Amino acid sequence: MLETLYEEIRARKETPKEGSYTNYLFDQGLDKILKKVGEEATEVIIAAKNNQTELVSETSDLIYHMLVLLVEQNISPDEIKAELTKREGKLSKTTERKQIDTL
Protein backbone atom coordinates (compact mmCIF):
# COMPACT_ATOMS: atom_id res chain seq x y z
CA MET A 1 0.00 0.00 0.00
CA LEU A 2 2.80 2.44 0.83
CA GLU A 3 4.49 1.79 -2.51
CA THR A 4 1.20 2.53 -4.29
CA LEU A 5 0.76 5.80 -2.42
CA TYR A 6 4.40 6.70 -3.12
CA GLU A 7 3.85 6.08 -6.85
CA GLU A 8 0.67 8.18 -6.83
CA ILE A 9 2.57 11.05 -5.17
CA ARG A 10 5.44 10.69 -7.65
CA ALA A 11 3.00 10.69 -10.54
CA ARG A 12 1.33 13.81 -9.19
CA LYS A 13 4.69 15.56 -9.08
CA GLU A 14 5.37 14.58 -12.69
CA THR A 15 1.84 15.40 -13.87
CA PRO A 16 0.46 18.17 -11.67
CA LYS A 17 -3.27 18.47 -11.13
CA GLU A 18 -4.74 21.89 -10.44
CA GLY A 19 -6.03 22.24 -6.88
CA SER A 20 -4.09 19.21 -5.64
CA TYR A 21 -2.77 19.46 -2.08
CA THR A 22 0.17 17.29 -3.09
CA ASN A 23 1.07 19.70 -5.87
CA TYR A 24 0.64 22.60 -3.45
CA LEU A 25 3.34 21.03 -1.28
CA PHE A 26 5.68 20.49 -4.22
CA ASP A 27 5.06 24.03 -5.47
CA GLN A 28 5.87 25.47 -2.04
CA GLY A 29 9.12 23.51 -1.94
CA LEU A 30 11.26 21.63 0.53
CA ASP A 31 10.87 24.03 3.44
CA LYS A 32 7.06 23.70 3.38
CA ILE A 33 7.27 19.91 3.12
CA LEU A 34 9.70 19.77 6.05
CA LYS A 35 7.45 22.04 8.09
CA LYS A 36 4.50 19.73 7.47
CA VAL A 37 6.54 16.65 8.42
CA GLY A 38 7.53 18.35 11.67
CA GLU A 39 3.97 19.42 12.43
CA GLU A 40 2.61 15.95 11.77
CA ALA A 41 5.33 14.30 13.88
CA THR A 42 4.39 16.58 16.77
CA GLU A 43 0.71 15.75 16.31
CA VAL A 44 1.53 12.02 16.42
CA ILE A 45 3.29 12.51 19.75
CA ILE A 46 0.36 14.44 21.22
CA ALA A 47 -2.18 11.95 19.88
CA ALA A 48 -0.20 9.05 21.37
CA LYS A 49 -0.72 10.56 24.78
CA ASN A 50 -4.38 11.45 24.29
CA ASN A 51 -6.43 9.37 21.90
CA GLN A 52 -5.91 6.18 19.92
CA THR A 53 -8.29 7.25 17.14
CA GLU A 54 -6.36 10.49 16.69
CA LEU A 55 -3.12 8.52 16.71
CA VAL A 56 -4.24 6.47 13.71
CA SER A 57 -5.28 9.60 11.84
CA GLU A 58 -2.15 11.60 12.68
CA THR A 59 0.13 8.66 11.86
CA SER A 60 -1.53 8.43 8.47
CA ASP A 61 -0.90 12.14 7.93
CA LEU A 62 2.75 11.75 8.94
CA ILE A 63 3.30 8.81 6.60
CA TYR A 64 1.74 10.73 3.71
CA HIS A 65 3.95 13.77 4.32
CA MET A 66 7.04 11.56 4.73
CA LEU A 67 6.29 10.01 1.34
CA VAL A 68 5.95 13.48 -0.20
CA LEU A 69 9.37 14.27 1.30
CA LEU A 70 10.88 11.10 -0.15
CA VAL A 71 9.51 11.90 -3.60
CA GLU A 72 10.81 15.47 -3.33
CA GLN A 73 14.26 14.14 -2.44
CA ASN A 74 14.18 11.38 -5.09
CA ILE A 75 14.46 8.61 -2.51
CA SER A 76 12.60 5.44 -3.38
CA PRO A 77 10.87 3.04 -1.01
CA ASP A 78 13.43 0.45 -2.16
CA GLU A 79 16.22 2.56 -0.66
CA ILE A 80 14.40 2.64 2.68
CA LYS A 81 13.81 -1.12 2.51
CA ALA A 82 17.49 -1.71 1.76
CA GLU A 83 18.53 0.37 4.78
CA LEU A 84 16.10 -1.46 7.05
CA THR A 85 17.31 -4.79 5.68
CA LYS A 86 20.90 -3.86 6.56
CA ARG A 87 19.76 -3.28 10.13
CA GLU A 88 17.71 -6.45 10.42
CA GLY A 89 18.94 -8.84 13.05
CA LYS A 90 21.59 -6.50 14.38
CA LEU A 91 21.71 -6.10 18.10
CA SER A 92 22.69 -2.88 19.71
CA LYS A 93 23.56 -2.33 23.30
CA THR A 94 21.99 0.46 25.28
CA THR A 95 25.52 1.57 26.16
CA GLU A 96 26.09 2.28 22.45
CA ARG A 97 23.15 4.68 22.30
CA LYS A 98 22.61 8.15 23.62
CA GLN A 99 20.81 8.34 26.94
CA ILE A 100 17.05 8.82 26.63
CA ASP A 101 15.84 11.06 29.38
CA THR A 102 12.57 10.10 31.00
CA LEU A 103 9.72 12.58 31.04
C-alpha atoms as a PDB file:
ATOM      1  CA  MET A   1       0.000   0.000   0.000  1.00  0.00           C
ATOM      2  CA  LEU A   2       2.800   2.440   0.831  1.00  0.00           C
ATOM      3  CA  GLU A   3       4.488   1.787  -2.508  1.00  0.00           C
ATOM      4  CA  THR A   4       1.197   2.529  -4.290  1.00  0.00           C
ATOM      5  CA  LEU A   5       0.759   5.800  -2.425  1.00  0.00           C
ATOM      6  CA  TYR A   6       4.395   6.702  -3.124  1.00  0.00           C
ATOM      7  CA  GLU A   7       3.847   6.080  -6.846  1.00  0.00           C
ATOM      8  CA  GLU A   8       0.665   8.180  -6.826  1.00  0.00           C
ATOM      9  CA  ILE A   9       2.572  11.052  -5.170  1.00  0.00           C
ATOM     10  CA  ARG A  10       5.444  10.694  -7.651  1.00  0.00           C
ATOM     11  CA  ALA A  11       3.000  10.686 -10.543  1.00  0.00           C
ATOM     12  CA  ARG A  12       1.326  13.808  -9.194  1.00  0.00           C
ATOM     13  CA  LYS A  13       4.691  15.559  -9.084  1.00  0.00           C
ATOM     14  CA  GLU A  14       5.374  14.583 -12.694  1.00  0.00           C
ATOM     15  CA  THR A  15       1.837  15.402 -13.868  1.00  0.00           C
ATOM     16  CA  PRO A  16       0.458  18.172 -11.672  1.00  0.00           C
ATOM     17  CA  LYS A  17      -3.272  18.472 -11.126  1.00  0.00           C
ATOM     18  CA  GLU A  18      -4.739  21.895 -10.435  1.00  0.00           C
ATOM     19  CA  GLY A  19      -6.025  22.244  -6.884  1.00  0.00           C
ATOM     20  CA  SER A  20      -4.089  19.211  -5.645  1.00  0.00           C
ATOM     21  CA  TYR A  21      -2.771  19.464  -2.083  1.00  0.00           C
ATOM     22  CA  THR A  22       0.165  17.285  -3.087  1.00  0.00           C
ATOM     23  CA  ASN A  23       1.067  19.702  -5.865  1.00  0.00           C
ATOM     24  CA  TYR A  24       0.641  22.604  -3.453  1.00  0.00           C
ATOM     25  CA  LEU A  25       3.340  21.033  -1.276  1.00  0.00           C
ATOM     26  CA  PHE A  26       5.676  20.487  -4.222  1.00  0.00           C
ATOM     27  CA  ASP A  27       5.062  24.031  -5.474  1.00  0.00           C
ATOM     28  CA  GLN A  28       5.872  25.468  -2.044  1.00  0.00           C
ATOM     29  CA  GLY A  29       9.123  23.511  -1.936  1.00  0.00           C
ATOM     30  CA  LEU A  30      11.259  21.626   0.533  1.00  0.00           C
ATOM     31  CA  ASP A  31      10.868  24.034   3.441  1.00  0.00           C
ATOM     32  CA  LYS A  32       7.064  23.696   3.381  1.00  0.00           C
ATOM     33  CA  ILE A  33       7.272  19.911   3.121  1.00  0.00           C
ATOM     34  CA  LEU A  34       9.698  19.768   6.055  1.00  0.00           C
ATOM     35  CA  LYS A  35       7.453  22.041   8.094  1.00  0.00           C
ATOM     36  CA  LYS A  36       4.501  19.728   7.474  1.00  0.00           C
ATOM     37  CA  VAL A  37       6.538  16.648   8.415  1.00  0.00           C
ATOM     38  CA  GLY A  38       7.528  18.347  11.666  1.00  0.00           C
ATOM     39  CA  GLU A  39       3.971  19.417  12.431  1.00  0.00           C
ATOM     40  CA  GLU A  40       2.607  15.945  11.768  1.00  0.00           C
ATOM     41  CA  ALA A  41       5.328  14.300  13.883  1.00  0.00           C
ATOM     42  CA  THR A  42       4.390  16.579  16.773  1.00  0.00           C
ATOM     43  CA  GLU A  43       0.713  15.753  16.310  1.00  0.00           C
ATOM     44  CA  VAL A  44       1.535  12.021  16.420  1.00  0.00           C
ATOM     45  CA  ILE A  45       3.289  12.510  19.752  1.00  0.00           C
ATOM     46  CA  ILE A  46       0.360  14.438  21.221  1.00  0.00           C
ATOM     47  CA  ALA A  47      -2.178  11.946  19.885  1.00  0.00           C
ATOM     48  CA  ALA A  48      -0.204   9.049  21.370  1.00  0.00           C
ATOM     49  CA  LYS A  49      -0.722  10.559  24.784  1.00  0.00           C
ATOM     50  CA  ASN A  50      -4.379  11.453  24.287  1.00  0.00           C
ATOM     51  CA  ASN A  51      -6.433   9.374  21.902  1.00  0.00           C
ATOM     52  CA  GLN A  52      -5.915   6.176  19.919  1.00  0.00           C
ATOM     53  CA  THR A  53      -8.286   7.253  17.137  1.00  0.00           C
ATOM     54  CA  GLU A  54      -6.364  10.489  16.686  1.00  0.00           C
ATOM     55  CA  LEU A  55      -3.121   8.522  16.712  1.00  0.00           C
ATOM     56  CA  VAL A  56      -4.239   6.471  13.714  1.00  0.00           C
ATOM     57  CA  SER A  57      -5.280   9.600  11.836  1.00  0.00           C
ATOM     58  CA  GLU A  58      -2.154  11.599  12.679  1.00  0.00           C
ATOM     59  CA  THR A  59       0.131   8.663  11.864  1.00  0.00           C
ATOM     60  CA  SER A  60      -1.533   8.429   8.466  1.00  0.00           C
ATOM     61  CA  ASP A  61      -0.899  12.141   7.930  1.00  0.00           C
ATOM     62  CA  LEU A  62       2.745  11.751   8.938  1.00  0.00           C
ATOM     63  CA  ILE A  63       3.297   8.810   6.605  1.00  0.00           C
ATOM     64  CA  TYR A  64       1.743  10.726   3.706  1.00  0.00           C
ATOM     65  CA  HIS A  65       3.952  13.766   4.320  1.00  0.00           C
ATOM     66  CA  MET A  66       7.038  11.562   4.730  1.00  0.00           C
ATOM     67  CA  LEU A  67       6.287  10.009   1.336  1.00  0.00           C
ATOM     68  CA  VAL A  68       5.954  13.484  -0.195  1.00  0.00           C
ATOM     69  CA  LEU A  69       9.368  14.274   1.297  1.00  0.00           C
ATOM     70  CA  LEU A  70      10.878  11.096  -0.148  1.00  0.00           C
ATOM     71  CA  VAL A  71       9.507  11.902  -3.600  1.00  0.00           C
ATOM     72  CA  GLU A  72      10.814  15.470  -3.326  1.00  0.00           C
ATOM     73  CA  GLN A  73      14.258  14.142  -2.439  1.00  0.00           C
ATOM     74  CA  ASN A  74      14.181  11.379  -5.090  1.00  0.00           C
ATOM     75  CA  ILE A  75      14.463   8.615  -2.507  1.00  0.00           C
ATOM     76  CA  SER A  76      12.604   5.439  -3.383  1.00  0.00           C
ATOM     77  CA  PRO A  77      10.873   3.038  -1.008  1.00  0.00           C
ATOM     78  CA  ASP A  78      13.428   0.447  -2.155  1.00  0.00           C
ATOM     79  CA  GLU A  79      16.221   2.564  -0.657  1.00  0.00           C
ATOM     80  CA  ILE A  80      14.403   2.637   2.682  1.00  0.00           C
ATOM     81  CA  LYS A  81      13.807  -1.123   2.508  1.00  0.00           C
ATOM     82  CA  ALA A  82      17.491  -1.706   1.765  1.00  0.00           C
ATOM     83  CA  GLU A  83      18.527   0.367   4.779  1.00  0.00           C
ATOM     84  CA  LEU A  84      16.103  -1.456   7.054  1.00  0.00           C
ATOM     85  CA  THR A  85      17.306  -4.790   5.678  1.00  0.00           C
ATOM     86  CA  LYS A  86      20.905  -3.857   6.563  1.00  0.00           C
ATOM     87  CA  ARG A  87      19.764  -3.283  10.131  1.00  0.00           C
ATOM     88  CA  GLU A  88      17.706  -6.446  10.417  1.00  0.00           C
ATOM     89  CA  GLY A  89      18.939  -8.836  13.047  1.00  0.00           C
ATOM     90  CA  LYS A  90      21.585  -6.503  14.383  1.00  0.00           C
ATOM     91  CA  LEU A  91      21.708  -6.103  18.097  1.00  0.00           C
ATOM     92  CA  SER A  92      22.694  -2.875  19.706  1.00  0.00           C
ATOM     93  CA  LYS A  93      23.563  -2.327  23.304  1.00  0.00           C
ATOM     94  CA  THR A  94      21.989   0.461  25.278  1.00  0.00           C
ATOM     95  CA  THR A  95      25.521   1.568  26.159  1.00  0.00           C
ATOM     96  CA  GLU A  96      26.091   2.285  22.450  1.00  0.00           C
ATOM     97  CA  ARG A  97      23.148   4.678  22.304  1.00  0.00           C
ATOM     98  CA  LYS A  98      22.606   8.155  23.621  1.00  0.00           C
ATOM     99  CA  GLN A  99      20.808   8.344  26.937  1.00  0.00           C
ATOM    100  CA  ILE A 100      17.048   8.818  26.632  1.00  0.00           C
ATOM    101  CA  ASP A 101      15.840  11.065  29.384  1.00  0.00           C
ATOM    102  CA  THR A 102      12.571  10.102  30.998  1.00  0.00           C
ATOM    103  CA  LEU A 103       9.717  12.583  31.044  1.00  0.00           C
END
